[in-house]
């Protein structure tokens, strides 16, 4: 396979200016990224994948993500920072090579310092297969995904449609992490999602949930509606991956508490250029090539999605007056403590 050409993400003068003027004093020296994809494009077994939704992004720019590549990207975007990670495979739609994905991840995570991996799962996996994979790989939890819903509906499915209770029970038995990308058009504001996470977190109190993308609240309204009901769940945390709206981060910090929030990059999405923008009750990815806006009146260049996310994380924290200790916990301490709390087969 041809080597990845990182020229696509080499910093421009604009990127360097944003990092130096806005972000360098915000990102602490130690960073724990709780949302990193380590994968090979080859694990997507769909014979038509070259015309599929991932072909022009990860398939084109990042077809093989090694630990070294993740380190190189982080060194480019956040220079001088010590990086640790919670990583997991990319959830390619069926057909996907689950065994290949999980074994590859284990080999790559072993290269990292103080890092860990999560097992990609689908609902058809039984307890025996899961426990055998956990023991073989050393992974400390699960990465389910809505693509694998038993209903066949990846948009409006409930949590247990793609993360059945027999799998959650394993997470409960061993105190494992579940990285959950919830479904439904209203995301965490959906009544069934609220009820399900309350019920499941109470029924399985030793399972440790991370609700990805601010509980999939790419704009503020969803977490604003849900926060009062989910903020006191003791085994639920949140990551900030690819959320680029400062009001959404503000709503998360103030709604569930800054001590439950952790930094995540969603790499290799973070080094792509553009921004996730919110409008109405929707959100979408705005890129340099998918718009027709006239931008002659300003600098038209786009920076990394990661920088837009970090800007939102910083500006969203103004209301709470983020202390240095809280900032370091947001980027490192909370995640480090969560990962260290898991020792399933010690």
Protein backbone atom coordinates (compact mmCIF):
# COMPACT_ATOMS: atom_id res chain seq x y z
CA UNK A 1 0.00 0.00 0.00
CA UNK A 2 1.24 3.49 -0.81
CA UNK A 3 2.35 5.56 2.14
CA UNK A 4 -0.08 8.10 3.54
CA UNK A 5 0.72 11.58 2.22
CA UNK A 6 0.44 13.88 5.20
CA UNK A 7 0.84 16.90 2.93
CA UNK A 8 -2.95 17.04 2.97
CA UNK A 9 -2.83 18.03 6.63
CA UNK A 10 0.37 20.05 6.78
CA UNK A 11 -0.49 23.25 8.65
CA UNK A 12 -1.19 26.33 6.62
CA UNK A 13 -0.37 29.82 7.86
CA UNK A 14 -4.00 30.05 8.96
CA UNK A 15 -3.78 26.80 10.96
CA UNK A 16 -0.59 27.95 12.67
CA UNK A 17 -2.13 31.29 13.54
CA UNK A 18 -5.23 29.67 15.07
CA UNK A 19 -3.10 27.25 17.10
CA UNK A 20 -0.73 29.93 18.39
CA UNK A 21 -3.32 32.66 19.04
CA UNK A 22 -6.27 30.61 20.29
CA UNK A 23 -5.40 27.06 21.28
CA UNK A 24 -1.81 26.59 22.44
CA UNK A 25 -2.57 28.07 25.86
CA UNK A 26 -5.77 26.00 26.18
CA UNK A 27 -4.53 22.48 25.44
CA UNK A 28 -2.46 21.18 28.38
CA UNK A 29 0.82 19.28 28.10
CA UNK A 30 -0.83 15.89 28.66
CA UNK A 31 -3.82 14.79 26.59
CA UNK A 32 -5.87 11.61 26.79
CA UNK A 33 -7.96 11.12 23.66
CA UNK A 34 -10.92 8.83 24.44
CA UNK A 35 -12.21 8.61 20.85
CA UNK A 36 -9.63 7.45 18.28
CA UNK A 37 -10.27 5.03 15.40
CA UNK A 38 -7.45 2.62 14.54
CA UNK A 39 -8.31 0.54 11.48
CA UNK A 40 -7.59 -0.64 7.97
CA UNK A 41 -9.83 0.23 5.02
CA UNK A 42 -9.40 -3.44 4.06
CA UNK A 43 -11.64 -4.42 7.00
CA UNK A 44 -14.60 -2.97 5.10
CA UNK A 45 -15.59 -6.06 3.12
CA UNK A 46 -18.29 -4.40 1.04
CA UNK A 47 -17.42 -5.09 -2.62
CA UNK A 48 -19.00 -1.73 -3.54
CA UNK A 49 -17.16 0.32 -0.92
CA UNK A 50 -15.28 2.36 -3.55
CA UNK A 51 -18.56 4.09 -4.32
CA UNK A 52 -19.75 4.18 -0.71
CA UNK A 53 -19.94 7.05 1.80
CA UNK A 54 -16.45 6.56 3.25
CA UNK A 55 -14.53 6.25 -0.02
CA UNK A 56 -13.80 9.97 -0.45
CA UNK A 57 -12.68 10.61 3.12
CA UNK A 58 -11.07 7.87 5.21
CA UNK A 59 -10.83 5.52 2.24
CA UNK A 60 -8.92 8.14 0.25
CA UNK A 61 -6.84 9.93 2.87
CA UNK A 62 -6.45 7.45 5.73
CA UNK A 63 -6.89 3.88 4.46
CA UNK A 64 -4.61 2.47 7.14
CA UNK A 65 -4.32 4.06 10.55
CA UNK A 66 -1.39 2.79 12.57
CA UNK A 67 -0.40 3.96 16.02
CA UNK A 68 2.54 5.75 14.43
CA UNK A 69 0.24 7.62 12.08
CA UNK A 70 -2.00 8.67 14.96
CA UNK A 71 1.10 9.95 16.78
CA UNK A 72 2.25 11.82 13.68
CA UNK A 73 -1.13 13.48 13.21
CA UNK A 74 -1.25 14.53 16.86
CA UNK A 75 2.30 15.90 16.68
CA UNK A 76 1.27 17.95 13.64
CA UNK A 77 -1.97 19.33 15.06
CA UNK A 78 -1.07 19.61 18.76
CA UNK A 79 2.72 19.99 18.83
CA UNK A 80 4.59 19.17 22.00
CA UNK A 81 1.72 17.34 23.71
CA UNK A 82 2.09 13.93 25.36
CA UNK A 83 -0.69 11.75 23.94
CA UNK A 84 -2.47 8.71 25.36
CA UNK A 85 -5.58 7.14 23.86
CA UNK A 86 -8.65 4.98 24.16
CA UNK A 87 -8.91 3.55 20.66
CA UNK A 88 -11.27 1.29 18.74
CA UNK A 89 -11.85 0.09 15.18
CA UNK A 90 -13.87 1.97 12.61
CA UNK A 91 -17.44 0.58 12.52
CA UNK A 92 -17.74 -0.28 8.86
CA UNK A 93 -21.24 -1.39 7.84
CA UNK A 94 -21.83 -5.08 7.25
CA UNK A 95 -19.94 -6.90 5.90
CA UNK A 96 -17.09 -5.95 8.25
CA UNK A 97 -14.10 -8.01 9.37
CA UNK A 98 -14.69 -7.84 13.12
CA UNK A 99 -11.96 -10.31 14.12
CA UNK A 100 -9.42 -8.61 11.88
CA UNK A 101 -10.42 -5.20 13.23
CA UNK A 102 -10.12 -6.20 16.88
CA UNK A 103 -6.85 -8.09 16.50
CA UNK A 104 -5.27 -5.29 14.48
CA UNK A 105 -6.32 -2.79 17.13
CA UNK A 106 -4.72 -4.90 19.86
CA UNK A 107 -1.39 -4.98 18.03
CA UNK A 108 -1.43 -1.23 17.47
CA UNK A 109 -2.51 -0.29 21.00
CA UNK A 110 0.39 -2.36 22.34
CA UNK A 111 2.72 0.20 20.74
CA UNK A 112 1.18 3.04 22.73
CA UNK A 113 2.05 4.43 26.10
CA UNK A 114 -0.59 3.99 28.82
CA UNK A 115 -3.34 3.48 26.25
CA UNK A 116 -6.17 0.99 25.80
CA UNK A 117 -8.60 -0.41 23.24
CA UNK A 118 -12.29 -1.21 22.89
CA UNK A 119 -13.68 -4.21 21.03
CA UNK A 120 -15.92 -3.61 18.01
CA UNK A 121 -19.08 -5.65 18.58
CA UNK A 122 -22.30 -6.51 16.78
CA UNK A 123 -25.51 -7.90 18.33
CA UNK A 124 -24.94 -11.43 17.04
CA UNK A 125 -21.85 -11.95 19.16
CA UNK A 126 -22.47 -14.26 22.10
CA UNK A 127 -20.91 -14.13 25.55
CA UNK A 128 -18.36 -16.85 24.83
CA UNK A 129 -17.05 -15.20 21.68
CA UNK A 130 -16.87 -11.82 23.38
CA UNK A 131 -15.04 -13.03 26.47
CA UNK A 132 -12.57 -14.99 24.35
CA UNK A 133 -11.83 -11.89 22.28
CA UNK A 134 -11.42 -9.72 25.36
CA UNK A 135 -8.95 -12.16 26.88
CA UNK A 136 -7.03 -12.52 23.62
CA UNK A 137 -6.79 -8.80 22.87
CA UNK A 138 -6.77 -7.17 26.29
CA UNK A 139 -9.48 -4.70 25.27
CA UNK A 140 -11.28 -3.04 28.17
CA UNK A 141 -14.75 -2.57 26.74
CA UNK A 142 -16.97 -2.31 23.71
CA UNK A 143 -17.62 -0.16 20.69
CA UNK A 144 -21.14 -0.95 19.39
CA UNK A 145 -22.61 1.02 16.52
CA UNK A 146 -26.02 1.79 15.10
CA UNK A 147 -25.13 0.32 11.69
CA UNK A 148 -25.49 -3.12 13.28
CA UNK A 149 -29.05 -2.62 14.58
CA UNK A 150 -31.12 -5.78 14.49
CA UNK A 151 -34.06 -3.66 13.28
CA UNK A 152 -32.28 -2.79 10.05
CA UNK A 153 -32.91 0.89 10.83
CA UNK A 154 -29.66 2.65 11.73
CA UNK A 155 -31.40 6.01 12.19
CA UNK A 156 -34.25 5.38 14.62
CA UNK A 157 -33.01 2.32 16.52
CA UNK A 158 -32.86 2.08 20.31
CA UNK A 159 -29.70 1.32 22.29
CA UNK A 160 -30.51 -2.33 22.85
CA UNK A 161 -31.24 -2.82 19.15
CA UNK A 162 -27.49 -2.66 18.51
CA UNK A 163 -26.11 -3.29 22.04
CA UNK A 164 -28.18 -6.18 23.43
CA UNK A 165 -28.46 -6.73 27.14
CA UNK A 166 -26.39 -9.91 27.17
CA UNK A 167 -23.43 -7.77 26.04
CA UNK A 168 -24.17 -4.99 28.52
CA UNK A 169 -24.28 -7.68 31.22
CA UNK A 170 -20.68 -8.63 30.33
CA UNK A 171 -19.65 -4.99 30.69
CA UNK A 172 -21.37 -4.96 34.07
CA UNK A 173 -19.74 -8.21 35.23
CA UNK A 174 -16.22 -6.99 34.48
CA UNK A 175 -16.66 -3.23 34.93
CA UNK A 176 -16.00 -2.47 31.25
CA UNK A 177 -16.43 0.69 29.18
CA UNK A 178 -19.12 1.06 26.50
CA UNK A 179 -18.48 3.83 23.96
CA UNK A 180 -22.02 4.61 22.82
CA UNK A 181 -22.97 6.60 19.72
CA UNK A 182 -26.70 6.86 20.30
CA UNK A 183 -29.16 6.88 17.43
CA UNK A 184 -32.49 8.63 16.68
CA UNK A 185 -33.14 11.96 15.01
CA UNK A 186 -33.45 13.80 18.33
CA UNK A 187 -30.34 12.08 19.74
CA UNK A 188 -30.16 12.29 23.54
CA UNK A 189 -33.34 14.41 23.62
CA UNK A 190 -35.36 11.45 22.37
CA UNK A 191 -37.62 10.13 25.15
CA UNK A 192 -36.66 6.51 24.53
CA UNK A 193 -32.94 7.30 24.64
CA UNK A 194 -33.33 9.13 27.93
CA UNK A 195 -35.37 6.30 29.42
CA UNK A 196 -33.01 3.64 28.08
CA UNK A 197 -29.78 5.17 29.39
CA UNK A 198 -31.37 5.77 32.80
CA UNK A 199 -32.70 2.21 32.99
CA UNK A 200 -29.61 0.48 31.61
CA UNK A 201 -27.14 2.43 33.72
CA UNK A 202 -29.16 1.58 36.84
CA UNK A 203 -29.69 -2.10 35.96
CA UNK A 204 -25.99 -2.56 35.10
CA UNK A 205 -24.24 -0.22 37.56
CA UNK A 206 -20.70 -1.50 36.96
CA UNK A 207 -20.82 -0.86 33.21
CA UNK A 208 -19.15 2.46 32.38
CA UNK A 209 -20.83 4.42 29.58
CA UNK A 210 -19.21 7.12 27.45
CA UNK A 211 -21.82 8.95 25.37
CA UNK A 212 -19.93 10.04 22.26
CA UNK A 213 -20.12 13.47 20.61
CA UNK A 214 -21.63 15.19 23.68
CA UNK A 215 -24.31 12.47 23.71
CA UNK A 216 -24.61 13.20 19.97
CA UNK A 217 -25.59 16.76 20.77
CA UNK A 218 -23.91 18.62 17.93
CA UNK A 219 -25.98 21.65 18.86
CA UNK A 220 -27.17 22.74 22.26
CA UNK A 221 -30.87 21.91 22.21
CA UNK A 222 -30.62 18.13 22.64
CA UNK A 223 -28.41 18.12 25.74
CA UNK A 224 -30.33 21.10 27.13
CA UNK A 225 -33.51 19.01 27.03
CA UNK A 226 -31.94 15.86 28.47
CA UNK A 227 -29.39 17.10 30.99
CA UNK A 228 -31.67 17.44 34.01
CA UNK A 229 -32.61 13.75 33.76
CA UNK A 230 -29.19 12.25 33.04
CA UNK A 231 -26.76 14.50 34.90
CA UNK A 232 -26.67 12.44 38.11
CA UNK A 233 -26.08 9.02 36.54
CA UNK A 234 -22.89 7.89 38.31
CA UNK A 235 -21.61 5.58 35.57
CA UNK A 236 -22.11 7.84 32.53
CA UNK A 237 -19.47 10.12 30.97
CA UNK A 238 -19.35 12.18 27.77
CA UNK A 239 -16.77 12.90 25.08
CA UNK A 240 -16.46 16.05 23.00
CA UNK A 241 -15.39 14.49 19.70
CA UNK A 242 -16.10 16.59 16.57
CA UNK A 243 -18.65 18.87 18.27
CA UNK A 244 -17.82 22.32 16.90
CA UNK A 245 -20.56 24.54 18.37
CA UNK A 246 -19.55 26.42 21.52
CA UNK A 247 -23.13 26.58 22.81
CA UNK A 248 -23.33 22.78 22.67
CA UNK A 249 -20.19 22.49 24.80
CA UNK A 250 -21.50 25.14 27.18
CA UNK A 251 -24.77 23.21 27.50
CA UNK A 252 -22.85 20.01 28.21
CA UNK A 253 -20.49 21.54 30.78
CA UNK A 254 -23.27 23.28 32.67
CA UNK A 255 -25.89 20.58 32.14
CA UNK A 256 -24.07 17.41 33.22
CA UNK A 257 -21.02 18.87 34.94
CA UNK A 258 -17.51 19.44 33.66
CA UNK A 259 -16.24 16.53 35.76
CA UNK A 260 -18.12 14.07 33.49
CA UNK A 261 -16.68 15.40 30.22
CA UNK A 262 -13.56 14.17 28.37
CA UNK A 263 -11.68 15.19 25.25
CA UNK A 264 -11.97 13.01 22.16
CA UNK A 265 -10.77 13.65 18.61
CA UNK A 266 -12.72 11.14 16.45
CA UNK A 267 -9.55 10.76 14.41
CA UNK A 268 -9.04 10.36 11.55
CA UNK A 269 -11.93 12.82 11.22
CA UNK A 270 -10.23 15.57 13.23
CA UNK A 271 -7.42 16.31 10.76
CA UNK A 272 -9.84 16.79 7.88
CA UNK A 273 -10.72 20.37 7.08
CA UNK A 274 -14.13 21.87 7.69
CA UNK A 275 -16.61 22.07 10.54
CA UNK A 276 -19.74 20.37 11.84
CA UNK A 277 -22.38 23.10 11.73
CA UNK A 278 -25.78 23.17 13.41
CA UNK A 279 -29.01 24.65 12.07
CA UNK A 280 -32.62 24.16 13.11
CA UNK A 281 -32.72 20.70 14.66
CA UNK A 282 -30.00 19.42 12.33
CA UNK A 283 -26.24 19.33 11.90
CA UNK A 284 -23.95 18.45 9.03
CA UNK A 285 -20.34 18.45 7.91
CA UNK A 286 -19.30 21.56 6.00
CA UNK A 287 -16.16 20.96 3.93
CA UNK A 288 -14.08 22.99 1.46
CA UNK A 289 -15.74 21.13 -1.42
CA UNK A 290 -19.42 20.77 -0.51
CA UNK A 291 -20.60 24.39 -0.47
CA UNK A 292 -21.24 27.21 -2.93
CA UNK A 293 -20.76 30.19 -0.63
CA UNK A 294 -19.16 33.37 -1.92
CA UNK A 295 -16.20 34.07 0.36
CA UNK A 296 -14.30 36.80 -1.45
CA UNK A 297 -14.91 39.16 1.49
CA UNK A 298 -12.76 37.10 3.89
CA UNK A 299 -10.08 34.45 4.18
CA UNK A 300 -11.93 31.48 2.62
CA UNK A 301 -9.65 28.73 3.88
CA UNK A 302 -10.91 26.13 6.32
CA UNK A 303 -8.92 24.80 9.23
CA UNK A 304 -8.97 21.35 10.79
CA UNK A 305 -12.19 20.00 12.27
CA UNK A 306 -10.14 19.37 15.41
CA UNK A 307 -9.29 23.05 15.71
CA UNK A 308 -12.94 24.03 15.30
CA UNK A 309 -13.79 21.54 18.06
CA UNK A 310 -11.07 22.89 20.35
CA UNK A 311 -12.25 26.45 19.73
CA UNK A 312 -15.76 25.39 20.76
CA UNK A 313 -14.45 23.59 23.85
CA UNK A 314 -12.57 26.72 24.91
CA UNK A 315 -15.32 29.25 24.23
CA UNK A 316 -18.01 27.00 25.63
CA UNK A 317 -16.16 27.03 28.95
CA UNK A 318 -16.30 30.80 29.44
CA UNK A 319 -19.50 30.70 31.47
CA UNK A 320 -18.09 28.30 34.05
CA UNK A 321 -14.71 30.02 34.28
CA UNK A 322 -12.71 26.87 33.64
CA UNK A 323 -9.89 26.53 36.18
CA UNK A 324 -6.50 25.04 35.33
CA UNK A 325 -7.37 21.93 37.33
CA UNK A 326 -10.66 21.52 35.46
CA UNK A 327 -8.94 22.06 32.12
CA UNK A 328 -6.35 19.39 32.90
CA UNK A 329 -9.09 16.99 34.02
CA UNK A 330 -11.08 17.67 30.84
CA UNK A 331 -8.11 16.79 28.65
CA UNK A 332 -6.46 14.11 30.77
CA UNK A 333 -7.32 13.36 34.38
CA UNK A 334 -10.95 12.24 34.04
CA UNK A 335 -10.18 9.85 31.19
CA UNK A 336 -7.05 8.53 32.84
CA UNK A 337 -8.97 7.71 36.02
CA UNK A 338 -11.79 6.05 34.07
CA UNK A 339 -9.47 3.83 32.05
CA UNK A 340 -7.41 2.96 35.12
CA UNK A 341 -10.58 1.83 36.90
CA UNK A 342 -10.96 -1.07 34.43
CA UNK A 343 -8.99 -4.26 35.05
CA UNK A 344 -11.33 -7.03 33.83
CA UNK A 345 -9.02 -10.04 34.06
CA UNK A 346 -6.42 -8.88 36.58
